Amino acid sequence: MEGRYAVDTEIRTAHQFPYQRVYLIRELSLQSPIKIHKDTVCIEMGSSEAYSKGKGVTMKAYSHSDTTLVLKEGQEGNIKLYHIMSREVLPHITDIGIRVRAIR
């Protein structure tokens, strides 16, 4: 459906996650018309504010929303996420994903 959409990046971690923030590259590639948008996302996880937003008993969930897309009906695309942290494998991250939601 044509309209405006928010793009949320979400991470779920175990409580013993060793970093205060996670840096990701988010790449949006849309077709018809072609549009490529690449940005850096910083998800704050170590602050008291971030922990109060986290949900769960044994896991914590963090969300970052800063991108709005205007999509045309039938438009297709891809979203890629990859981390740019110094370690190849980040311990205690259990899930990472994208949520696209309509803005009314």
N, C-alpha and C. Protein backbone atom coordinates (compact mmCIF):
# COMPACT_ATOMS: atom_id res chain seq x y z
N MET A 1 0.84 -1.17 0.00
CA MET A 1 0.00 0.00 0.00
C MET A 1 0.90 1.24 0.00
N GLU A 2 0.57 2.22 -0.80
CA GLU A 2 1.36 3.45 -0.89
C GLU A 2 1.24 4.24 0.39
N GLY A 3 2.39 4.79 0.83
CA GLY A 3 2.36 5.60 2.05
C GLY A 3 3.72 5.75 2.67
N ARG A 4 3.71 6.29 3.89
CA ARG A 4 4.94 6.51 4.66
C ARG A 4 5.12 5.37 5.66
N TYR A 5 6.39 4.94 5.80
CA TYR A 5 6.71 3.81 6.67
C TYR A 5 7.94 4.13 7.51
N ALA A 6 7.92 3.74 8.77
CA ALA A 6 9.08 3.86 9.65
C ALA A 6 9.85 2.55 9.59
N VAL A 7 11.18 2.65 9.62
CA VAL A 7 12.04 1.47 9.62
C VAL A 7 12.71 1.39 10.98
N ASP A 8 12.42 0.32 11.73
CA ASP A 8 12.99 0.10 13.05
C ASP A 8 14.02 -1.01 12.96
N THR A 9 15.18 -0.81 13.57
CA THR A 9 16.19 -1.85 13.70
C THR A 9 16.12 -2.36 15.13
N GLU A 10 15.99 -3.68 15.30
CA GLU A 10 15.81 -4.24 16.63
C GLU A 10 16.85 -5.32 16.91
N ILE A 11 17.32 -5.35 18.16
CA ILE A 11 18.31 -6.34 18.60
C ILE A 11 17.80 -6.96 19.90
N ARG A 12 17.95 -8.27 20.02
CA ARG A 12 17.65 -8.95 21.28
C ARG A 12 18.95 -9.58 21.79
N THR A 13 19.25 -9.36 23.07
CA THR A 13 20.50 -9.85 23.66
C THR A 13 20.24 -10.57 24.98
N ALA A 14 21.22 -11.38 25.37
CA ALA A 14 21.23 -11.92 26.73
C ALA A 14 21.65 -10.79 27.67
N HIS A 15 21.32 -10.90 28.94
CA HIS A 15 21.62 -9.83 29.90
C HIS A 15 23.11 -9.52 30.01
N GLN A 16 23.97 -10.49 29.78
CA GLN A 16 25.40 -10.26 29.96
C GLN A 16 26.08 -9.73 28.71
N PHE A 17 25.37 -9.01 27.88
CA PHE A 17 25.95 -8.45 26.66
C PHE A 17 27.07 -7.48 27.03
N PRO A 18 28.29 -7.63 26.45
CA PRO A 18 29.46 -6.90 26.93
C PRO A 18 29.65 -5.48 26.38
N TYR A 19 28.77 -4.99 25.52
CA TYR A 19 28.97 -3.67 24.91
C TYR A 19 27.87 -2.70 25.32
N GLN A 20 28.22 -1.40 25.30
CA GLN A 20 27.23 -0.37 25.62
C GLN A 20 26.45 0.08 24.39
N ARG A 21 27.03 -0.13 23.22
CA ARG A 21 26.33 0.23 21.97
C ARG A 21 26.78 -0.72 20.87
N VAL A 22 25.92 -0.86 19.87
CA VAL A 22 26.22 -1.68 18.70
C VAL A 22 26.07 -0.79 17.48
N TYR A 23 27.08 -0.84 16.60
CA TYR A 23 27.05 -0.07 15.36
C TYR A 23 26.75 -1.00 14.19
N LEU A 24 25.78 -0.61 13.39
CA LEU A 24 25.34 -1.40 12.24
C LEU A 24 25.31 -0.54 11.00
N ILE A 25 25.47 -1.18 9.85
CA ILE A 25 25.19 -0.53 8.57
C ILE A 25 23.84 -1.08 8.11
N ARG A 26 22.95 -0.18 7.74
CA ARG A 26 21.64 -0.56 7.20
C ARG A 26 21.58 -0.05 5.76
N GLU A 27 21.37 -0.96 4.83
CA GLU A 27 21.34 -0.62 3.41
C GLU A 27 19.96 -0.94 2.85
N LEU A 28 19.29 0.11 2.37
CA LEU A 28 17.96 -0.04 1.77
C LEU A 28 18.10 0.11 0.27
N SER A 29 17.65 -0.88 -0.47
CA SER A 29 17.67 -0.84 -1.94
C SER A 29 16.25 -1.02 -2.44
N LEU A 30 15.72 0.01 -3.09
CA LEU A 30 14.34 -0.02 -3.59
C LEU A 30 14.33 -0.01 -5.11
N GLN A 31 13.31 -0.60 -5.68
CA GLN A 31 13.12 -0.65 -7.13
C GLN A 31 11.91 0.22 -7.52
N SER A 32 11.90 0.66 -8.75
CA SER A 32 10.76 1.36 -9.38
C SER A 32 10.23 2.55 -8.59
N PRO A 33 10.86 3.62 -8.41
CA PRO A 33 12.16 3.99 -8.96
C PRO A 33 13.29 3.45 -8.08
N ILE A 34 14.46 3.36 -8.68
CA ILE A 34 15.62 2.84 -7.97
C ILE A 34 16.09 3.88 -6.95
N LYS A 35 16.26 3.41 -5.73
CA LYS A 35 16.75 4.27 -4.65
C LYS A 35 17.59 3.41 -3.72
N ILE A 36 18.79 3.88 -3.41
CA ILE A 36 19.67 3.18 -2.48
C ILE A 36 20.00 4.14 -1.34
N HIS A 37 19.78 3.70 -0.13
CA HIS A 37 20.05 4.51 1.05
C HIS A 37 20.87 3.66 2.01
N LYS A 38 22.05 4.14 2.36
CA LYS A 38 22.94 3.42 3.27
C LYS A 38 23.25 4.34 4.43
N ASP A 39 23.06 3.84 5.67
CA ASP A 39 23.37 4.66 6.82
C ASP A 39 23.91 3.82 7.96
N THR A 40 24.52 4.51 8.91
CA THR A 40 25.04 3.87 10.11
C THR A 40 24.01 4.02 11.21
N VAL A 41 23.76 2.93 11.92
CA VAL A 41 22.82 2.92 13.02
C VAL A 41 23.59 2.60 14.29
N CYS A 42 23.40 3.41 15.32
CA CYS A 42 24.01 3.15 16.62
C CYS A 42 22.88 2.84 17.60
N ILE A 43 22.89 1.64 18.14
CA ILE A 43 21.88 1.26 19.12
C ILE A 43 22.53 1.32 20.50
N GLU A 44 22.05 2.23 21.32
CA GLU A 44 22.56 2.41 22.69
C GLU A 44 22.00 1.30 23.56
N MET A 45 22.88 0.57 24.23
CA MET A 45 22.44 -0.56 25.05
C MET A 45 22.93 -0.47 26.49
N GLY A 46 23.92 0.34 26.75
CA GLY A 46 24.53 0.36 28.07
C GLY A 46 24.02 1.43 29.00
N SER A 47 23.23 2.36 28.51
CA SER A 47 22.76 3.44 29.38
C SER A 47 21.57 2.96 30.21
N SER A 48 21.31 3.65 31.30
CA SER A 48 20.17 3.28 32.14
C SER A 48 18.86 3.46 31.36
N GLU A 49 18.83 4.45 30.45
CA GLU A 49 17.64 4.66 29.63
C GLU A 49 17.39 3.47 28.71
N ALA A 50 18.47 2.94 28.10
CA ALA A 50 18.33 1.80 27.21
C ALA A 50 17.84 0.58 27.97
N TYR A 51 18.38 0.35 29.16
CA TYR A 51 17.95 -0.82 29.93
C TYR A 51 16.49 -0.70 30.34
N SER A 52 16.03 0.50 30.63
CA SER A 52 14.63 0.64 31.01
C SER A 52 13.72 0.40 29.82
N LYS A 53 14.21 0.60 28.59
CA LYS A 53 13.41 0.32 27.39
C LYS A 53 13.43 -1.15 27.04
N GLY A 54 14.49 -1.87 27.46
CA GLY A 54 14.61 -3.29 27.15
C GLY A 54 13.48 -4.06 27.82
N LYS A 55 13.07 -5.17 27.18
CA LYS A 55 11.97 -5.96 27.72
C LYS A 55 12.43 -7.38 27.94
N GLY A 56 11.84 -8.05 28.91
CA GLY A 56 12.12 -9.47 29.09
C GLY A 56 12.75 -9.77 30.42
N VAL A 57 12.72 -11.06 30.78
CA VAL A 57 13.28 -11.51 32.05
C VAL A 57 14.73 -11.95 31.86
N THR A 58 14.99 -12.82 30.88
CA THR A 58 16.35 -13.28 30.64
C THR A 58 16.96 -12.65 29.39
N MET A 59 16.16 -12.00 28.60
CA MET A 59 16.64 -11.36 27.38
C MET A 59 16.23 -9.89 27.43
N LYS A 60 16.95 -9.06 26.69
CA LYS A 60 16.60 -7.65 26.55
C LYS A 60 16.43 -7.34 25.07
N ALA A 61 15.46 -6.50 24.76
CA ALA A 61 15.22 -6.09 23.38
C ALA A 61 15.44 -4.59 23.27
N TYR A 62 16.14 -4.18 22.22
CA TYR A 62 16.44 -2.77 21.98
C TYR A 62 15.99 -2.42 20.58
N SER A 63 15.48 -1.22 20.42
CA SER A 63 14.97 -0.79 19.13
C SER A 63 15.50 0.59 18.79
N HIS A 64 15.75 0.82 17.51
CA HIS A 64 16.22 2.11 17.03
C HIS A 64 15.41 2.47 15.79
N SER A 65 14.80 3.64 15.80
CA SER A 65 13.99 4.08 14.66
C SER A 65 14.43 5.48 14.26
N ASP A 66 14.89 5.63 13.02
CA ASP A 66 15.31 6.95 12.57
C ASP A 66 15.11 7.17 11.09
N THR A 67 14.54 6.20 10.40
CA THR A 67 14.38 6.32 8.96
C THR A 67 12.91 6.23 8.59
N THR A 68 12.49 7.12 7.71
CA THR A 68 11.13 7.08 7.17
C THR A 68 11.22 6.89 5.66
N LEU A 69 10.44 5.96 5.16
CA LEU A 69 10.40 5.70 3.72
C LEU A 69 9.05 6.10 3.16
N VAL A 70 9.05 6.61 1.94
CA VAL A 70 7.82 6.82 1.21
C VAL A 70 7.82 5.76 0.10
N LEU A 71 6.90 4.82 0.20
CA LEU A 71 6.84 3.70 -0.74
C LEU A 71 5.62 3.82 -1.62
N LYS A 72 5.80 3.45 -2.87
CA LYS A 72 4.69 3.43 -3.83
C LYS A 72 4.06 2.04 -3.83
N GLU A 73 2.81 1.95 -4.20
CA GLU A 73 2.12 0.66 -4.24
C GLU A 73 2.84 -0.29 -5.21
N GLY A 74 3.13 -1.50 -4.75
CA GLY A 74 3.81 -2.50 -5.56
C GLY A 74 5.32 -2.38 -5.59
N GLN A 75 5.87 -1.37 -4.94
CA GLN A 75 7.32 -1.17 -4.94
C GLN A 75 7.98 -2.29 -4.11
N GLU A 76 9.10 -2.79 -4.61
CA GLU A 76 9.83 -3.86 -3.93
C GLU A 76 11.23 -3.39 -3.58
N GLY A 77 11.85 -4.12 -2.65
CA GLY A 77 13.20 -3.76 -2.28
C GLY A 77 13.81 -4.75 -1.32
N ASN A 78 15.03 -4.47 -0.91
CA ASN A 78 15.78 -5.28 0.05
C ASN A 78 16.33 -4.39 1.14
N ILE A 79 16.44 -4.96 2.32
CA ILE A 79 17.10 -4.28 3.44
C ILE A 79 18.17 -5.22 3.94
N LYS A 80 19.41 -4.72 4.02
CA LYS A 80 20.53 -5.52 4.53
C LYS A 80 21.07 -4.85 5.79
N LEU A 81 21.43 -5.68 6.76
CA LEU A 81 22.03 -5.21 8.00
C LEU A 81 23.33 -5.95 8.22
N TYR A 82 24.36 -5.24 8.62
CA TYR A 82 25.57 -5.90 9.05
C TYR A 82 26.28 -5.02 10.06
N HIS A 83 26.96 -5.66 11.02
CA HIS A 83 27.61 -4.89 12.07
C HIS A 83 29.00 -4.44 11.62
N ILE A 84 29.46 -3.36 12.23
CA ILE A 84 30.79 -2.82 11.93
C ILE A 84 31.61 -2.72 13.22
N MET A 85 31.41 -3.70 14.08
CA MET A 85 32.16 -3.78 15.33
C MET A 85 33.49 -4.47 15.06
N SER A 86 34.43 -4.32 15.98
CA SER A 86 35.77 -4.87 15.76
C SER A 86 35.82 -6.40 15.83
N ARG A 87 34.93 -7.01 16.58
CA ARG A 87 34.91 -8.48 16.65
C ARG A 87 34.05 -9.04 15.53
N GLU A 88 34.46 -10.17 14.99
CA GLU A 88 33.68 -10.78 13.91
C GLU A 88 32.35 -11.32 14.42
N VAL A 89 32.39 -11.99 15.58
CA VAL A 89 31.18 -12.53 16.19
C VAL A 89 30.91 -11.75 17.47
N LEU A 90 29.69 -11.25 17.61
CA LEU A 90 29.31 -10.52 18.81
C LEU A 90 28.60 -11.48 19.76
N PRO A 91 29.16 -11.72 20.94
CA PRO A 91 28.56 -12.69 21.84
C PRO A 91 27.24 -12.18 22.43
N HIS A 92 26.34 -13.09 22.67
CA HIS A 92 25.07 -12.87 23.38
C HIS A 92 24.01 -12.12 22.58
N ILE A 93 24.23 -11.86 21.29
CA ILE A 93 23.14 -11.34 20.47
C ILE A 93 22.36 -12.55 19.98
N THR A 94 21.08 -12.58 20.28
CA THR A 94 20.28 -13.74 19.91
C THR A 94 19.47 -13.49 18.64
N ASP A 95 19.03 -12.27 18.41
CA ASP A 95 18.23 -11.93 17.23
C ASP A 95 18.53 -10.51 16.82
N ILE A 96 18.43 -10.27 15.52
CA ILE A 96 18.53 -8.91 15.00
C ILE A 96 17.58 -8.84 13.81
N GLY A 97 16.89 -7.73 13.67
CA GLY A 97 15.93 -7.66 12.58
C GLY A 97 15.48 -6.26 12.27
N ILE A 98 14.63 -6.21 11.28
CA ILE A 98 14.05 -4.95 10.78
C ILE A 98 12.54 -5.07 10.90
N ARG A 99 11.93 -3.99 11.32
CA ARG A 99 10.47 -3.91 11.33
C ARG A 99 10.08 -2.68 10.52
N VAL A 100 9.22 -2.86 9.55
CA VAL A 100 8.71 -1.75 8.74
C VAL A 100 7.25 -1.57 9.11
N ARG A 101 6.91 -0.37 9.57
CA ARG A 101 5.53 -0.14 10.02
C ARG A 101 4.95 1.12 9.39
N ALA A 102 3.69 1.07 9.09
CA ALA A 102 3.00 2.20 8.48
C ALA A 102 2.89 3.35 9.47
N ILE A 103 3.09 4.57 8.97
CA ILE A 103 2.91 5.79 9.77
C ILE A 103 1.61 6.42 9.31
N ARG A 104 0.77 6.67 10.25
CA ARG A 104 -0.54 7.26 9.91
C ARG A 104 -0.57 8.72 10.25
